[in-house]
Amino acid sequence: MARREQARLFGVLGEPVEHSLSPAMHNAAFAAAGLPHLYLRYRVPPHRLRAALDEARTLGMGGLNLTVPLKEAVRPFLDAVTPEAERVGAVNTVLFRGGRLVGDNTDARGFARALRGHARIRGAAAVVIGAGGSARAVGAALVASGVRRIVVANRTVARADALAARLHALGAADVQPAPLTALVRGDALAEAALVVNTTSTGLHGAAVRVRHAATPRTCLFVDLVYGARPTPFLVAAARAGRPTLDGAGMLLHQGALAWEAWNGRPAPLGAMARALADAGLALTRLGAAATFGVPRPAHA
């Protein structure tokens, strides 16, 4: 008789975290794979992160995800990070390896997978709005995909400078920091094949001011937030006749990659997608098209 696998606890840490659809997605995957594990949400502010990780280690948890604002704050509390997390400079997945906490990043690869079939970006120009952990992942994915030129636009130009320097160190031949006003003027958009909003402005119904019509008509606008109604950023892009994509595909694919890292087997992607659909999220070609509820961040 085959020995039944011992049940383990998994979860997502963040603040806020109540909106997260990760439990629905991961618990469906466990059920489809015949595993007795459980995935839960945990509201953890940054000042409680060390204590939460210590408790997770004591409990012998199977794995964790991190969402805002913990992806960069977690690094001092980990025993090691994977080469991918080192490359990206942020951690969204924690692996438990013999009592050691190892930080990984599945956001960059999840974003790249979600983008497949929606835009041809090798040798193209791209604009990344924001300079936080999600922007780091998107930028790293763009560098790996062979984007020719990247503009990093951020409210705080010093943070845009820092991210631009990091992407240059990863191999980006042409990466430029810019203030958000460059998006209003349009001078950063003239050659863009892709514009990605990595900020959380859409969660609150706010808009990033962008001169959408300054881009080529085929430029794809992506917002990492997803919801029943497109964010103002995507609404304005659609009004300008540009194609749009939200963050639902990234949610699915980064989750599947994390699941595989924890469990050492292929993720049941179909079951995960169906769970998100049952929660009200419609997925196209296991990519993304949101049709539900209040907007949510893709990485949670």
Protein backbone atom coordinates (compact mmCIF):
# COMPACT_ATOMS: atom_id res chain seq x y z
CA MET A 1 0.00 0.00 0.00
CA ALA A 2 1.35 3.42 -0.95
CA ARG A 3 2.10 5.67 2.01
CA ARG A 4 -0.21 8.70 2.18
CA GLU A 5 1.65 12.00 2.00
CA GLN A 6 1.61 14.02 5.20
CA ALA A 7 -0.59 17.11 5.06
CA ARG A 8 1.26 20.43 4.95
CA LEU A 9 0.21 24.04 5.31
CA PHE A 10 0.89 26.72 2.67
CA GLY A 11 -0.13 30.35 2.44
CA VAL A 12 0.23 33.88 1.13
CA LEU A 13 1.51 36.71 3.33
CA GLY A 14 0.82 40.37 2.68
CA GLU A 15 -1.08 43.52 3.62
CA PRO A 16 -3.71 43.69 2.25
CA VAL A 17 -4.28 40.02 1.50
CA GLU A 18 -8.03 39.49 1.91
CA HIS A 19 -8.58 39.91 -1.83
CA SER A 20 -6.22 37.08 -2.77
CA LEU A 21 -7.48 34.30 -5.04
CA SER A 22 -4.36 32.23 -4.46
CA PRO A 23 -6.12 29.93 -1.93
CA ALA A 24 -8.80 28.98 -4.47
CA MET A 25 -6.18 28.32 -7.13
CA HIS A 26 -3.73 26.34 -4.99
CA ASN A 27 -6.30 24.33 -3.05
CA ALA A 28 -7.87 23.25 -6.34
CA ALA A 29 -4.44 22.17 -7.53
CA PHE A 30 -3.86 20.14 -4.36
CA ALA A 31 -7.22 18.42 -4.79
CA ALA A 32 -6.56 17.65 -8.46
CA ALA A 33 -3.19 16.12 -7.58
CA GLY A 34 -4.62 14.08 -4.71
CA LEU A 35 -2.55 15.95 -2.11
CA PRO A 36 -3.93 16.62 1.41
CA HIS A 37 -2.41 20.10 1.75
CA LEU A 38 -4.12 23.41 2.62
CA TYR A 39 -3.37 26.96 1.46
CA LEU A 40 -4.53 30.00 3.47
CA ARG A 41 -4.25 33.81 3.56
CA TYR A 42 -2.25 35.54 6.32
CA ARG A 43 -2.36 39.29 6.84
CA VAL A 44 1.20 40.24 7.76
CA PRO A 45 2.49 43.85 7.86
CA PRO A 46 6.21 44.42 7.24
CA HIS A 47 7.08 44.86 10.92
CA ARG A 48 5.63 41.39 11.65
CA LEU A 49 7.33 39.59 8.77
CA ARG A 50 10.29 38.18 10.70
CA ALA A 51 7.99 36.76 13.41
CA ALA A 52 5.66 35.27 10.78
CA LEU A 53 8.55 33.52 9.02
CA ASP A 54 9.90 32.20 12.32
CA GLU A 55 6.47 30.77 13.11
CA ALA A 56 6.17 29.26 9.63
CA ARG A 57 9.54 27.59 10.11
CA THR A 58 8.48 26.22 13.51
CA LEU A 59 5.25 24.87 12.05
CA GLY A 60 7.12 23.13 9.23
CA MET A 61 5.00 24.77 6.54
CA GLY A 62 5.29 23.57 2.96
CA GLY A 63 5.72 26.93 1.26
CA LEU A 64 4.69 30.58 1.14
CA ASN A 65 3.88 33.31 -1.33
CA LEU A 66 4.56 36.98 -0.64
CA THR A 67 2.62 39.91 -2.00
CA VAL A 68 2.82 43.66 -1.44
CA PRO A 69 4.60 45.10 0.45
CA LEU A 70 6.85 42.18 1.43
CA LYS A 71 8.68 41.12 -1.74
CA GLU A 72 11.76 43.26 -1.14
CA ALA A 73 11.50 43.46 2.68
CA VAL A 74 11.86 39.69 3.13
CA ARG A 75 15.45 39.32 1.95
CA PRO A 76 17.21 39.85 5.37
CA PHE A 77 15.09 37.11 6.95
CA LEU A 78 15.94 34.34 4.46
CA ASP A 79 18.73 31.79 4.65
CA ALA A 80 19.32 31.88 0.89
CA VAL A 81 17.78 32.95 -2.41
CA THR A 82 17.64 31.17 -5.75
CA PRO A 83 19.55 32.51 -8.77
CA GLU A 84 16.23 33.68 -10.21
CA ALA A 85 15.36 35.70 -7.09
CA GLU A 86 18.87 37.13 -7.10
CA ARG A 87 18.48 38.11 -10.75
CA VAL A 88 15.10 39.77 -10.21
CA GLY A 89 15.97 41.35 -6.87
CA ALA A 90 12.65 40.43 -5.25
CA VAL A 91 11.06 37.35 -3.66
CA ASN A 92 7.46 36.24 -4.13
CA THR A 93 7.85 32.57 -3.17
CA VAL A 94 9.46 30.98 -0.11
CA LEU A 95 10.68 27.38 -0.24
CA PHE A 96 11.27 25.30 2.90
CA ARG A 97 14.40 23.21 2.43
CA GLY A 98 15.43 21.13 5.45
CA GLY A 99 14.61 23.88 7.94
CA ARG A 100 16.10 26.61 5.73
CA LEU A 101 14.04 29.36 4.12
CA VAL A 102 14.95 29.89 0.48
CA GLY A 103 13.55 32.84 -1.48
CA ASP A 104 12.51 32.35 -5.09
CA ASN A 105 10.78 34.49 -7.72
CA THR A 106 8.14 33.17 -10.11
CA ASP A 107 6.74 36.58 -11.11
CA ALA A 108 9.18 37.22 -13.98
CA ARG A 109 8.65 33.83 -15.60
CA GLY A 110 4.90 34.03 -14.93
CA PHE A 111 4.72 37.41 -16.66
CA ALA A 112 6.68 36.10 -19.65
CA ARG A 113 4.34 33.11 -19.99
CA ALA A 114 1.24 35.30 -19.73
CA LEU A 115 2.58 37.58 -22.47
CA ARG A 116 3.04 34.78 -25.01
CA GLY A 117 0.81 35.18 -28.03
CA HIS A 118 -0.09 38.75 -27.15
CA ALA A 119 2.97 40.75 -28.21
CA ARG A 120 6.23 40.31 -30.10
CA ILE A 121 8.81 42.10 -28.01
CA ARG A 122 12.21 40.71 -29.04
CA GLY A 123 14.13 43.64 -30.47
CA ALA A 124 11.31 46.03 -29.55
CA ALA A 125 10.99 48.96 -27.14
CA ALA A 126 9.04 48.75 -23.88
CA VAL A 127 7.96 51.06 -21.08
CA VAL A 128 7.69 49.91 -17.45
CA ILE A 129 5.67 52.11 -15.10
CA GLY A 130 6.76 51.74 -11.47
CA ALA A 131 9.97 50.67 -9.77
CA GLY A 132 8.95 48.25 -7.00
CA GLY A 133 9.16 44.47 -6.71
CA SER A 134 6.70 43.81 -9.53
CA ALA A 135 8.54 46.25 -11.80
CA ARG A 136 11.77 44.39 -11.08
CA ALA A 137 10.17 41.12 -12.16
CA VAL A 138 8.67 42.61 -15.31
CA GLY A 139 11.95 44.31 -16.20
CA ALA A 140 13.92 41.10 -15.70
CA ALA A 141 11.45 39.24 -17.91
CA LEU A 142 11.78 41.86 -20.64
CA VAL A 143 15.58 41.68 -20.55
CA ALA A 144 15.46 37.88 -20.80
CA SER A 145 13.01 38.18 -23.72
CA GLY A 146 15.41 40.31 -25.73
CA VAL A 147 13.70 43.69 -25.57
CA ARG A 148 15.91 46.27 -27.29
CA ARG A 149 15.07 49.34 -25.20
CA ILE A 150 13.38 49.80 -21.82
CA VAL A 151 12.14 53.05 -20.30
CA VAL A 152 11.47 52.92 -16.55
CA ALA A 153 9.01 55.65 -15.53
CA ASN A 154 8.39 56.32 -11.86
CA ARG A 155 7.14 59.10 -9.61
CA THR A 156 10.43 59.02 -7.68
CA VAL A 157 13.12 59.30 -10.31
CA ALA A 158 15.82 58.02 -7.94
CA ARG A 159 14.01 54.68 -7.76
CA ALA A 160 13.69 54.63 -11.54
CA ASP A 161 17.44 55.26 -11.72
CA ALA A 162 18.10 52.32 -9.39
CA LEU A 163 15.93 49.93 -11.38
CA ALA A 164 17.40 51.11 -14.68
CA ALA A 165 20.89 50.42 -13.33
CA ARG A 166 19.80 46.96 -12.21
CA LEU A 167 18.32 46.10 -15.61
CA HIS A 168 21.46 47.35 -17.32
CA ALA A 169 23.49 45.01 -15.10
CA LEU A 170 21.22 42.15 -16.20
CA GLY A 171 22.15 42.81 -19.82
CA ALA A 172 19.79 45.51 -21.08
CA ALA A 173 21.77 47.46 -23.67
CA ASP A 174 19.51 50.52 -23.62
CA VAL A 175 17.55 51.30 -20.46
CA GLN A 176 16.53 54.80 -19.46
CA PRO A 177 14.89 56.21 -16.30
CA ALA A 178 12.16 58.81 -16.75
CA PRO A 179 9.70 60.83 -14.64
CA LEU A 180 5.99 60.13 -14.98
CA THR A 181 5.61 63.40 -16.86
CA ALA A 182 7.37 61.77 -19.80
CA LEU A 183 4.30 59.57 -20.21
CA VAL A 184 2.06 62.63 -20.43
CA ARG A 185 4.30 64.36 -22.95
CA GLY A 186 4.55 61.12 -24.91
CA ASP A 187 8.25 61.36 -25.71
CA ALA A 188 8.91 58.02 -23.95
CA LEU A 189 6.17 56.25 -25.93
CA ALA A 190 6.84 56.89 -29.61
CA GLU A 191 8.48 53.52 -30.33
CA ALA A 192 6.89 51.38 -27.64
CA ALA A 193 5.55 47.94 -28.53
CA LEU A 194 4.61 47.33 -24.89
CA VAL A 195 3.65 49.53 -21.92
CA VAL A 196 3.29 47.79 -18.54
CA ASN A 197 1.78 49.41 -15.46
CA THR A 198 3.21 47.62 -12.42
CA THR A 199 1.80 50.07 -9.86
CA SER A 200 -1.30 49.44 -7.73
CA THR A 201 -3.12 52.61 -8.82
CA GLY A 202 -5.87 50.63 -10.55
CA LEU A 203 -6.83 48.95 -7.28
CA HIS A 204 -8.22 52.27 -6.07
CA GLY A 205 -9.82 53.34 -9.35
CA ALA A 206 -7.06 55.88 -9.97
CA ALA A 207 -5.42 56.43 -13.32
CA VAL A 208 -1.83 56.72 -14.45
CA ARG A 209 -1.72 59.69 -16.79
CA VAL A 210 -0.43 58.43 -20.13
CA ARG A 211 -0.70 59.80 -23.64
CA HIS A 212 -1.81 56.46 -25.07
CA ALA A 213 -2.20 57.80 -28.61
CA ALA A 214 1.52 58.64 -28.72
CA THR A 215 2.31 54.94 -29.12
CA PRO A 216 2.14 52.88 -32.33
CA ARG A 217 -1.39 51.55 -32.86
CA THR A 218 -0.21 47.98 -32.22
CA CYS A 219 1.33 48.82 -28.82
CA LEU A 220 0.04 46.46 -26.11
CA PHE A 221 -0.93 48.07 -22.79
CA VAL A 222 -0.70 45.75 -19.77
CA ASP A 223 -1.87 46.41 -16.21
CA LEU A 224 -0.84 43.91 -13.53
CA VAL A 225 -4.13 44.63 -11.72
CA TYR A 226 -7.16 42.63 -12.85
CA GLY A 227 -10.87 42.93 -12.09
CA ALA A 228 -14.45 42.91 -13.36
CA ARG A 229 -13.96 46.30 -14.90
CA PRO A 230 -10.78 47.27 -16.71
CA THR A 231 -8.63 49.74 -14.82
CA PRO A 232 -8.72 53.38 -15.98
CA PHE A 233 -5.26 52.76 -17.48
CA LEU A 234 -6.65 50.02 -19.75
CA VAL A 235 -9.92 51.85 -20.46
CA ALA A 236 -7.99 54.82 -21.81
CA ALA A 237 -5.79 52.53 -23.91
CA ALA A 238 -8.84 50.81 -25.41
CA ARG A 239 -10.42 54.18 -26.20
CA ALA A 240 -7.24 55.05 -28.07
CA GLY A 241 -7.64 51.87 -30.10
CA ARG A 242 -4.73 50.02 -28.49
CA PRO A 243 -4.82 46.33 -27.46
CA THR A 244 -4.93 45.65 -23.71
CA LEU A 245 -4.18 42.85 -21.26
CA ASP A 246 -4.67 42.62 -17.51
CA GLY A 247 -2.77 40.62 -14.90
CA ALA A 248 -4.90 37.47 -14.66
CA GLY A 249 -2.53 35.37 -16.74
CA MET A 250 0.40 36.37 -14.58
CA LEU A 251 -1.59 35.36 -11.49
CA LEU A 252 -2.15 31.90 -12.93
CA HIS A 253 1.34 31.24 -14.26
CA GLN A 254 3.34 32.58 -11.33
CA GLY A 255 1.13 30.45 -9.08
CA ALA A 256 1.71 27.34 -11.15
CA LEU A 257 5.48 27.85 -11.05
CA ALA A 258 5.41 28.26 -7.27
CA TRP A 259 3.26 25.13 -6.89
CA GLU A 260 5.77 23.13 -8.94
CA ALA A 261 8.70 24.40 -6.87
CA TRP A 262 6.96 23.35 -3.63
CA ASN A 263 5.72 19.96 -4.79
CA GLY A 264 8.29 18.75 -7.31
CA ARG A 265 5.73 17.81 -9.95
CA PRO A 266 3.93 19.54 -12.85
CA ALA A 267 1.12 21.84 -11.75
CA PRO A 268 -2.44 20.91 -12.80
CA LEU A 269 -2.83 24.13 -14.76
CA GLY A 270 -6.31 23.31 -16.01
CA ALA A 271 -7.62 22.76 -12.48
CA MET A 272 -6.06 26.03 -11.35
CA ALA A 273 -7.62 27.94 -14.24
CA ARG A 274 -11.03 26.37 -13.58
CA ALA A 275 -10.81 27.37 -9.91
CA LEU A 276 -10.16 30.97 -10.91
CA ALA A 277 -13.08 30.79 -13.35
CA ASP A 278 -15.31 29.45 -10.56
CA ALA A 279 -14.21 32.43 -8.47
CA GLY A 280 -15.41 34.69 -11.27
CA LEU A 281 -12.21 35.14 -13.25
CA ALA A 282 -12.35 34.28 -16.94
CA LEU A 283 -9.10 33.14 -18.55
CA THR A 284 -8.42 33.14 -22.28
CA ARG A 285 -6.01 30.49 -23.58
CA LEU A 286 -4.76 30.27 -19.98
CA GLY A 287 -3.81 33.88 -20.55
CA ALA A 288 -5.86 36.72 -19.13
CA ALA A 289 -9.18 38.47 -19.49
CA ALA A 290 -10.80 39.60 -16.27
CA THR A 291 -14.56 39.61 -15.71
CA PHE A 292 -15.24 39.91 -12.00
CA GLY A 293 -15.35 41.74 -8.69
CA VAL A 294 -13.11 44.40 -7.28
CA PRO A 295 -9.72 44.78 -9.00
CA ARG A 296 -6.94 42.70 -7.46
CA PRO A 297 -3.17 42.62 -7.86
CA ALA A 298 -2.02 39.85 -10.20
CA HIS A 299 0.78 38.66 -7.94
CA ALA A 300 -1.52 37.60 -5.08
